[in-house]
Amino acid sequence: MKHFNVRVYGLWLDRGQVLVSEELIRGQKIIKFPGGGLEWGEGTLDGLKREWQEEMGQAIHVKAHFYTTDFFQPSAWDQSQVISIYYLVAPVNALSLPYHNGQEHFYFLPLTEDLPGLLSLPIDKVVAHQLVQAT
């Protein structure tokens, strides 16, 4: 049976840079924006806040919605359709970067024309292009 896979991501912009996460997923190095899958019963903002707390131990302030997937994107991992929702965020407390939690590595990349090519996920590439155009 086909189903939807709803993902939520936070875009932390700082001094011409954006925070990314690097991790191994099914043996592949993936560079993506911080966030992850929405759990049953969660709203998108609660899911995003949970993801950042789990991954970085960081509370965030959600500033604004930035983008929601507006095209069909099949999952690379299963028979689902991926819908990703991106928000502009800021950490509540100071966060020392780069940061490594044992599984993921978090660091900033510059908001340049090269950014989309550095990211692994198709929807992230679209968002990166929009971020670069907005700056």
N, C-alpha and C. Protein backbone atom coordinates (compact mmCIF):
# COMPACT_ATOMS: atom_id res chain seq x y z
N MET A 1 0.84 -1.18 0.00
CA MET A 1 0.00 0.00 0.00
C MET A 1 0.88 1.24 0.00
N LYS A 2 0.54 2.19 -0.79
CA LYS A 2 1.27 3.45 -0.88
C LYS A 2 0.82 4.39 0.25
N HIS A 3 1.74 5.16 0.77
CA HIS A 3 1.41 6.08 1.84
C HIS A 3 2.28 7.34 1.74
N PHE A 4 1.98 8.30 2.59
CA PHE A 4 2.73 9.55 2.63
C PHE A 4 3.77 9.48 3.74
N ASN A 5 4.89 10.12 3.51
CA ASN A 5 5.98 10.23 4.47
C ASN A 5 6.18 11.73 4.69
N VAL A 6 5.70 12.25 5.83
CA VAL A 6 5.78 13.68 6.10
C VAL A 6 7.04 13.95 6.92
N ARG A 7 7.85 14.89 6.42
CA ARG A 7 9.13 15.25 7.03
C ARG A 7 9.08 16.73 7.40
N VAL A 8 9.76 17.10 8.47
CA VAL A 8 9.84 18.51 8.89
C VAL A 8 11.31 18.87 9.11
N TYR A 9 11.67 20.04 8.60
CA TYR A 9 13.07 20.47 8.67
C TYR A 9 13.16 21.92 9.12
N GLY A 10 14.25 22.23 9.84
CA GLY A 10 14.52 23.58 10.30
C GLY A 10 15.68 24.19 9.54
N LEU A 11 15.49 25.40 9.09
CA LEU A 11 16.52 26.15 8.38
C LEU A 11 17.04 27.24 9.30
N TRP A 12 18.24 27.03 9.84
CA TRP A 12 18.86 28.04 10.70
C TRP A 12 19.87 28.79 9.85
N LEU A 13 19.56 30.05 9.57
CA LEU A 13 20.42 30.92 8.78
C LEU A 13 21.20 31.83 9.72
N ASP A 14 22.51 31.93 9.46
CA ASP A 14 23.35 32.77 10.32
C ASP A 14 24.53 33.28 9.50
N ARG A 15 24.62 34.60 9.37
CA ARG A 15 25.75 35.26 8.69
C ARG A 15 26.05 34.65 7.33
N GLY A 16 25.03 34.51 6.50
CA GLY A 16 25.23 34.02 5.15
C GLY A 16 25.49 32.53 5.05
N GLN A 17 25.10 31.79 6.08
CA GLN A 17 25.28 30.35 6.11
C GLN A 17 24.00 29.67 6.57
N VAL A 18 23.90 28.36 6.32
CA VAL A 18 22.75 27.58 6.78
C VAL A 18 23.29 26.30 7.44
N LEU A 19 22.63 25.90 8.51
CA LEU A 19 23.04 24.69 9.23
C LEU A 19 22.60 23.44 8.46
N VAL A 20 23.50 22.47 8.36
CA VAL A 20 23.20 21.18 7.75
C VAL A 20 23.60 20.06 8.70
N SER A 21 23.09 18.88 8.39
CA SER A 21 23.38 17.67 9.15
C SER A 21 23.98 16.65 8.19
N GLU A 22 25.02 15.99 8.65
CA GLU A 22 25.63 14.92 7.86
C GLU A 22 25.51 13.63 8.66
N GLU A 23 24.97 12.57 8.03
CA GLU A 23 24.81 11.30 8.73
C GLU A 23 24.84 10.14 7.74
N LEU A 24 25.05 8.96 8.27
CA LEU A 24 24.97 7.75 7.46
C LEU A 24 23.55 7.22 7.53
N ILE A 25 22.92 7.06 6.38
CA ILE A 25 21.59 6.47 6.30
C ILE A 25 21.69 5.28 5.36
N ARG A 26 21.45 4.11 5.91
CA ARG A 26 21.54 2.86 5.14
C ARG A 26 22.86 2.76 4.39
N GLY A 27 23.94 3.14 5.08
CA GLY A 27 25.27 3.02 4.52
C GLY A 27 25.69 4.14 3.58
N GLN A 28 24.82 5.13 3.37
CA GLN A 28 25.14 6.25 2.49
C GLN A 28 25.32 7.53 3.30
N LYS A 29 26.38 8.31 2.98
CA LYS A 29 26.56 9.61 3.61
C LYS A 29 25.53 10.57 3.01
N ILE A 30 24.71 11.16 3.88
CA ILE A 30 23.66 12.08 3.47
C ILE A 30 23.92 13.43 4.13
N ILE A 31 23.92 14.48 3.33
CA ILE A 31 24.00 15.84 3.85
C ILE A 31 22.63 16.47 3.60
N LYS A 32 22.00 16.93 4.69
CA LYS A 32 20.63 17.40 4.61
C LYS A 32 20.41 18.50 5.63
N PHE A 33 19.24 19.09 5.59
CA PHE A 33 18.88 20.05 6.62
C PHE A 33 18.44 19.29 7.87
N PRO A 34 18.67 19.84 9.08
CA PRO A 34 18.28 19.15 10.31
C PRO A 34 16.76 18.98 10.43
N GLY A 35 16.36 17.80 10.84
CA GLY A 35 14.95 17.49 11.01
C GLY A 35 14.71 16.03 10.72
N GLY A 36 13.46 15.66 10.53
CA GLY A 36 13.16 14.25 10.27
C GLY A 36 11.67 14.01 10.15
N GLY A 37 11.32 12.77 10.39
CA GLY A 37 9.95 12.32 10.16
C GLY A 37 8.98 12.73 11.25
N LEU A 38 7.81 13.11 10.81
CA LEU A 38 6.70 13.43 11.72
C LEU A 38 6.16 12.13 12.29
N GLU A 39 5.91 12.10 13.57
CA GLU A 39 5.34 10.91 14.22
C GLU A 39 3.82 11.05 14.31
N TRP A 40 3.15 9.91 14.37
CA TRP A 40 1.69 9.89 14.45
C TRP A 40 1.22 10.72 15.64
N GLY A 41 0.25 11.59 15.39
CA GLY A 41 -0.33 12.41 16.45
C GLY A 41 0.38 13.74 16.66
N GLU A 42 1.47 14.00 15.95
CA GLU A 42 2.22 15.24 16.10
C GLU A 42 1.80 16.27 15.06
N GLY A 43 1.81 17.52 15.46
CA GLY A 43 1.72 18.60 14.50
C GLY A 43 3.11 18.89 13.96
N THR A 44 3.18 19.63 12.88
CA THR A 44 4.49 19.86 12.25
C THR A 44 5.45 20.64 13.16
N LEU A 45 4.97 21.62 13.88
CA LEU A 45 5.85 22.40 14.75
C LEU A 45 6.35 21.57 15.92
N ASP A 46 5.47 20.78 16.52
CA ASP A 46 5.89 19.90 17.61
C ASP A 46 6.90 18.87 17.12
N GLY A 47 6.68 18.32 15.94
CA GLY A 47 7.61 17.35 15.38
C GLY A 47 8.97 17.95 15.11
N LEU A 48 9.00 19.17 14.57
CA LEU A 48 10.26 19.83 14.31
C LEU A 48 11.01 20.11 15.61
N LYS A 49 10.30 20.62 16.59
CA LYS A 49 10.94 20.90 17.89
C LYS A 49 11.48 19.61 18.51
N ARG A 50 10.73 18.52 18.42
CA ARG A 50 11.19 17.23 18.95
C ARG A 50 12.45 16.77 18.24
N GLU A 51 12.45 16.86 16.90
CA GLU A 51 13.62 16.42 16.13
C GLU A 51 14.88 17.17 16.55
N TRP A 52 14.79 18.49 16.67
CA TRP A 52 15.97 19.27 17.05
C TRP A 52 16.40 18.95 18.48
N GLN A 53 15.44 18.72 19.35
CA GLN A 53 15.78 18.36 20.74
C GLN A 53 16.48 17.00 20.77
N GLU A 54 15.95 16.03 20.03
CA GLU A 54 16.55 14.69 19.98
C GLU A 54 17.94 14.70 19.35
N GLU A 55 18.08 15.42 18.26
CA GLU A 55 19.33 15.39 17.51
C GLU A 55 20.43 16.25 18.10
N MET A 56 20.07 17.43 18.63
CA MET A 56 21.08 18.36 19.11
C MET A 56 20.90 18.79 20.56
N GLY A 57 19.85 18.28 21.21
CA GLY A 57 19.59 18.73 22.58
C GLY A 57 19.28 20.22 22.60
N GLN A 58 18.66 20.71 21.52
CA GLN A 58 18.49 22.14 21.34
C GLN A 58 17.02 22.52 21.18
N ALA A 59 16.55 23.42 22.03
CA ALA A 59 15.23 24.00 21.85
C ALA A 59 15.34 25.07 20.76
N ILE A 60 14.31 25.18 19.95
CA ILE A 60 14.32 26.17 18.87
C ILE A 60 13.08 27.05 18.93
N HIS A 61 13.24 28.21 18.33
CA HIS A 61 12.13 29.13 18.11
C HIS A 61 11.80 29.04 16.62
N VAL A 62 10.58 28.71 16.28
CA VAL A 62 10.16 28.63 14.89
C VAL A 62 9.71 30.03 14.46
N LYS A 63 10.41 30.58 13.47
CA LYS A 63 10.15 31.95 13.04
C LYS A 63 9.09 32.04 11.95
N ALA A 64 9.16 31.17 10.94
CA ALA A 64 8.21 31.26 9.83
C ALA A 64 8.27 30.02 8.97
N HIS A 65 7.16 29.73 8.29
CA HIS A 65 7.15 28.67 7.29
C HIS A 65 7.95 29.16 6.09
N PHE A 66 8.75 28.26 5.47
CA PHE A 66 9.53 28.64 4.30
C PHE A 66 9.06 27.93 3.03
N TYR A 67 8.80 26.62 3.12
CA TYR A 67 8.48 25.87 1.91
C TYR A 67 7.82 24.54 2.27
N THR A 68 6.87 24.10 1.45
CA THR A 68 6.29 22.77 1.52
C THR A 68 6.40 22.16 0.14
N THR A 69 6.78 20.91 0.06
CA THR A 69 6.94 20.23 -1.22
C THR A 69 5.70 20.45 -2.09
N ASP A 70 5.93 20.88 -3.33
CA ASP A 70 4.82 21.13 -4.24
C ASP A 70 4.94 20.31 -5.52
N PHE A 71 5.65 19.19 -5.43
CA PHE A 71 5.80 18.27 -6.57
C PHE A 71 5.86 16.85 -6.02
N PHE A 72 5.66 15.88 -6.89
CA PHE A 72 5.71 14.48 -6.47
C PHE A 72 7.16 14.06 -6.26
N GLN A 73 7.44 13.54 -5.06
CA GLN A 73 8.77 13.02 -4.76
C GLN A 73 8.63 11.64 -4.12
N PRO A 74 8.96 10.60 -4.87
CA PRO A 74 8.92 9.26 -4.26
C PRO A 74 10.10 9.09 -3.31
N SER A 75 9.90 8.32 -2.28
CA SER A 75 10.97 8.01 -1.33
C SER A 75 12.00 7.11 -1.98
N ALA A 76 13.25 7.32 -1.62
CA ALA A 76 14.33 6.44 -2.09
C ALA A 76 14.38 5.16 -1.27
N TRP A 77 13.66 5.11 -0.16
CA TRP A 77 13.79 4.00 0.78
C TRP A 77 12.60 3.05 0.80
N ASP A 78 11.40 3.54 0.44
CA ASP A 78 10.21 2.68 0.50
C ASP A 78 9.21 3.14 -0.56
N GLN A 79 8.00 2.63 -0.49
CA GLN A 79 6.96 2.95 -1.47
C GLN A 79 6.08 4.11 -1.02
N SER A 80 6.68 5.16 -0.51
CA SER A 80 5.90 6.30 -0.03
C SER A 80 6.18 7.54 -0.87
N GLN A 81 5.28 8.51 -0.75
CA GLN A 81 5.47 9.83 -1.32
C GLN A 81 5.94 10.75 -0.21
N VAL A 82 7.07 11.44 -0.44
CA VAL A 82 7.64 12.32 0.57
C VAL A 82 7.05 13.72 0.44
N ILE A 83 6.59 14.23 1.56
CA ILE A 83 6.15 15.62 1.66
C ILE A 83 6.99 16.26 2.76
N SER A 84 7.80 17.23 2.40
CA SER A 84 8.69 17.89 3.35
C SER A 84 8.23 19.32 3.59
N ILE A 85 8.28 19.72 4.86
CA ILE A 85 7.87 21.06 5.27
C ILE A 85 9.06 21.70 5.96
N TYR A 86 9.43 22.91 5.50
CA TYR A 86 10.61 23.60 6.00
C TYR A 86 10.21 24.89 6.70
N TYR A 87 10.83 25.12 7.86
CA TYR A 87 10.59 26.33 8.64
C TYR A 87 11.91 27.03 8.90
N LEU A 88 11.87 28.35 8.93
CA LEU A 88 13.01 29.14 9.39
C LEU A 88 13.01 29.06 10.91
N VAL A 89 14.16 28.75 11.50
CA VAL A 89 14.25 28.57 12.94
C VAL A 89 15.47 29.30 13.49
N ALA A 90 15.50 29.42 14.80
CA ALA A 90 16.67 29.94 15.52
C ALA A 90 16.76 29.18 16.83
N PRO A 91 17.97 28.89 17.29
CA PRO A 91 18.11 28.20 18.57
C PRO A 91 17.72 29.12 19.72
N VAL A 92 17.16 28.54 20.76
CA VAL A 92 16.80 29.31 21.94
C VAL A 92 18.05 29.69 22.73
N ASN A 93 19.00 28.76 22.82
CA ASN A 93 20.25 28.98 23.54
C ASN A 93 21.43 28.89 22.59
N ALA A 94 22.57 29.38 23.02
CA ALA A 94 23.78 29.32 22.21
C ALA A 94 24.14 27.86 21.94
N LEU A 95 24.61 27.61 20.74
CA LEU A 95 24.99 26.26 20.33
C LEU A 95 26.38 26.34 19.72
N SER A 96 27.30 25.56 20.26
CA SER A 96 28.66 25.53 19.75
C SER A 96 28.73 24.62 18.53
N LEU A 97 29.20 25.18 17.41
CA LEU A 97 29.29 24.42 16.17
C LEU A 97 30.72 24.41 15.66
N PRO A 98 31.14 23.37 14.96
CA PRO A 98 30.35 22.20 14.59
C PRO A 98 30.01 21.35 15.81
N TYR A 99 28.95 20.55 15.69
CA TYR A 99 28.45 19.71 16.78
C TYR A 99 28.31 18.29 16.27
N HIS A 100 28.70 17.33 17.09
CA HIS A 100 28.60 15.92 16.71
C HIS A 100 27.92 15.17 17.85
N ASN A 101 26.86 14.42 17.55
CA ASN A 101 26.14 13.69 18.61
C ASN A 101 26.45 12.20 18.62
N GLY A 102 27.45 11.78 17.88
CA GLY A 102 27.80 10.36 17.80
C GLY A 102 27.29 9.71 16.54
N GLN A 103 26.19 10.20 16.00
CA GLN A 103 25.63 9.67 14.76
C GLN A 103 25.57 10.73 13.66
N GLU A 104 25.33 11.97 14.06
CA GLU A 104 25.19 13.05 13.10
C GLU A 104 26.19 14.15 13.39
N HIS A 105 26.61 14.82 12.34
CA HIS A 105 27.54 15.93 12.44
C HIS A 105 26.82 17.17 11.90
N PHE A 106 26.79 18.24 12.67
CA PHE A 106 26.08 19.46 12.31
C PHE A 106 27.09 20.58 12.09
N TYR A 107 26.96 21.29 10.98
CA TYR A 107 27.87 22.38 10.66
C TYR A 107 27.20 23.32 9.66
N PHE A 108 27.79 24.50 9.49
CA PHE A 108 27.25 25.48 8.55
C PHE A 108 27.88 25.33 7.18
N LEU A 109 27.08 25.59 6.15
CA LEU A 109 27.56 25.71 4.78
C LEU A 109 27.16 27.09 4.28
N PRO A 110 27.99 27.71 3.44
CA PRO A 110 27.65 29.04 2.92
C PRO A 110 26.47 29.00 1.95
N LEU A 111 25.68 30.07 1.99
CA LEU A 111 24.54 30.22 1.08
C LEU A 111 25.06 30.75 -0.26
N THR A 112 25.64 29.84 -1.05
CA THR A 112 26.17 30.18 -2.37
C THR A 112 25.52 29.29 -3.41
N GLU A 113 25.78 29.58 -4.66
CA GLU A 113 25.25 28.78 -5.77
C GLU A 113 25.66 27.32 -5.69
N ASP A 114 26.72 27.00 -4.94
CA ASP A 114 27.19 25.62 -4.79
C ASP A 114 26.33 24.80 -3.82
N LEU A 115 25.56 25.47 -2.97
CA LEU A 115 24.83 24.78 -1.91
C LEU A 115 23.93 23.64 -2.41
N PRO A 116 23.08 23.84 -3.41
CA PRO A 116 22.21 22.72 -3.83
C PRO A 116 22.99 21.45 -4.20
N GLY A 117 24.14 21.61 -4.83
CA GLY A 117 24.94 20.46 -5.23
C GLY A 117 25.61 19.73 -4.08
N LEU A 118 25.69 20.37 -2.92
CA LEU A 118 26.32 19.75 -1.75
C LEU A 118 25.33 18.90 -0.95
N LEU A 119 24.03 19.16 -1.15
CA LEU A 119 23.00 18.44 -0.41
C LEU A 119 22.61 17.16 -1.13
N SER A 120 22.13 16.19 -0.37
CA SER A 120 21.85 14.86 -0.91
C SER A 120 20.41 14.64 -1.34
N LEU A 121 19.47 15.24 -0.65
CA LEU A 121 18.06 14.93 -0.88
C LEU A 121 17.44 15.87 -1.92
N PRO A 122 16.64 15.33 -2.83
CA PRO A 122 16.08 16.16 -3.93
C PRO A 122 15.29 17.38 -3.47
N ILE A 123 14.49 17.23 -2.44
CA ILE A 123 13.68 18.38 -1.99
C ILE A 123 14.59 19.41 -1.33
N ASP A 124 15.59 18.97 -0.58
CA ASP A 124 16.55 19.90 0.02
C ASP A 124 17.25 20.74 -1.05
N LYS A 125 17.54 20.13 -2.20
CA LYS A 125 18.19 20.86 -3.29
C LYS A 125 17.30 22.01 -3.79
N VAL A 126 16.00 21.75 -3.89
CA VAL A 126 15.05 22.79 -4.30
C VAL A 126 15.04 23.91 -3.26
N VAL A 127 14.97 23.54 -2.00
CA VAL A 127 14.95 24.53 -0.91
C VAL A 127 16.25 25.33 -0.90
N ALA A 128 17.38 24.66 -1.07
CA ALA A 128 18.67 25.35 -1.08
C ALA A 128 18.72 26.39 -2.20
N HIS A 129 18.22 26.03 -3.36
CA HIS A 129 18.19 26.97 -4.48
C HIS A 129 17.33 28.19 -4.12
N GLN A 130 16.19 27.96 -3.48
CA GLN A 130 15.32 29.07 -3.08
C GLN A 130 16.00 29.94 -2.02
N LEU A 131 16.71 29.32 -1.08
CA LEU A 131 17.43 30.09 -0.05
C LEU A 131 18.48 30.98 -0.69
N VAL A 132 19.24 30.42 -1.62
CA VAL A 132 20.29 31.18 -2.29
C VAL A 132 19.69 32.35 -3.06
N GLN A 133 18.58 32.11 -3.76
CA GLN A 133 17.92 33.17 -4.53
C GLN A 133 17.37 34.26 -3.62
N ALA A 134 16.98 33.91 -2.39
CA ALA A 134 16.40 34.87 -1.46
C ALA A 134 17.45 35.75 -0.79
N THR A 135 18.71 35.34 -0.88
CA THR A 135 19.76 36.12 -0.19
C THR A 135 20.46 37.08 -1.12
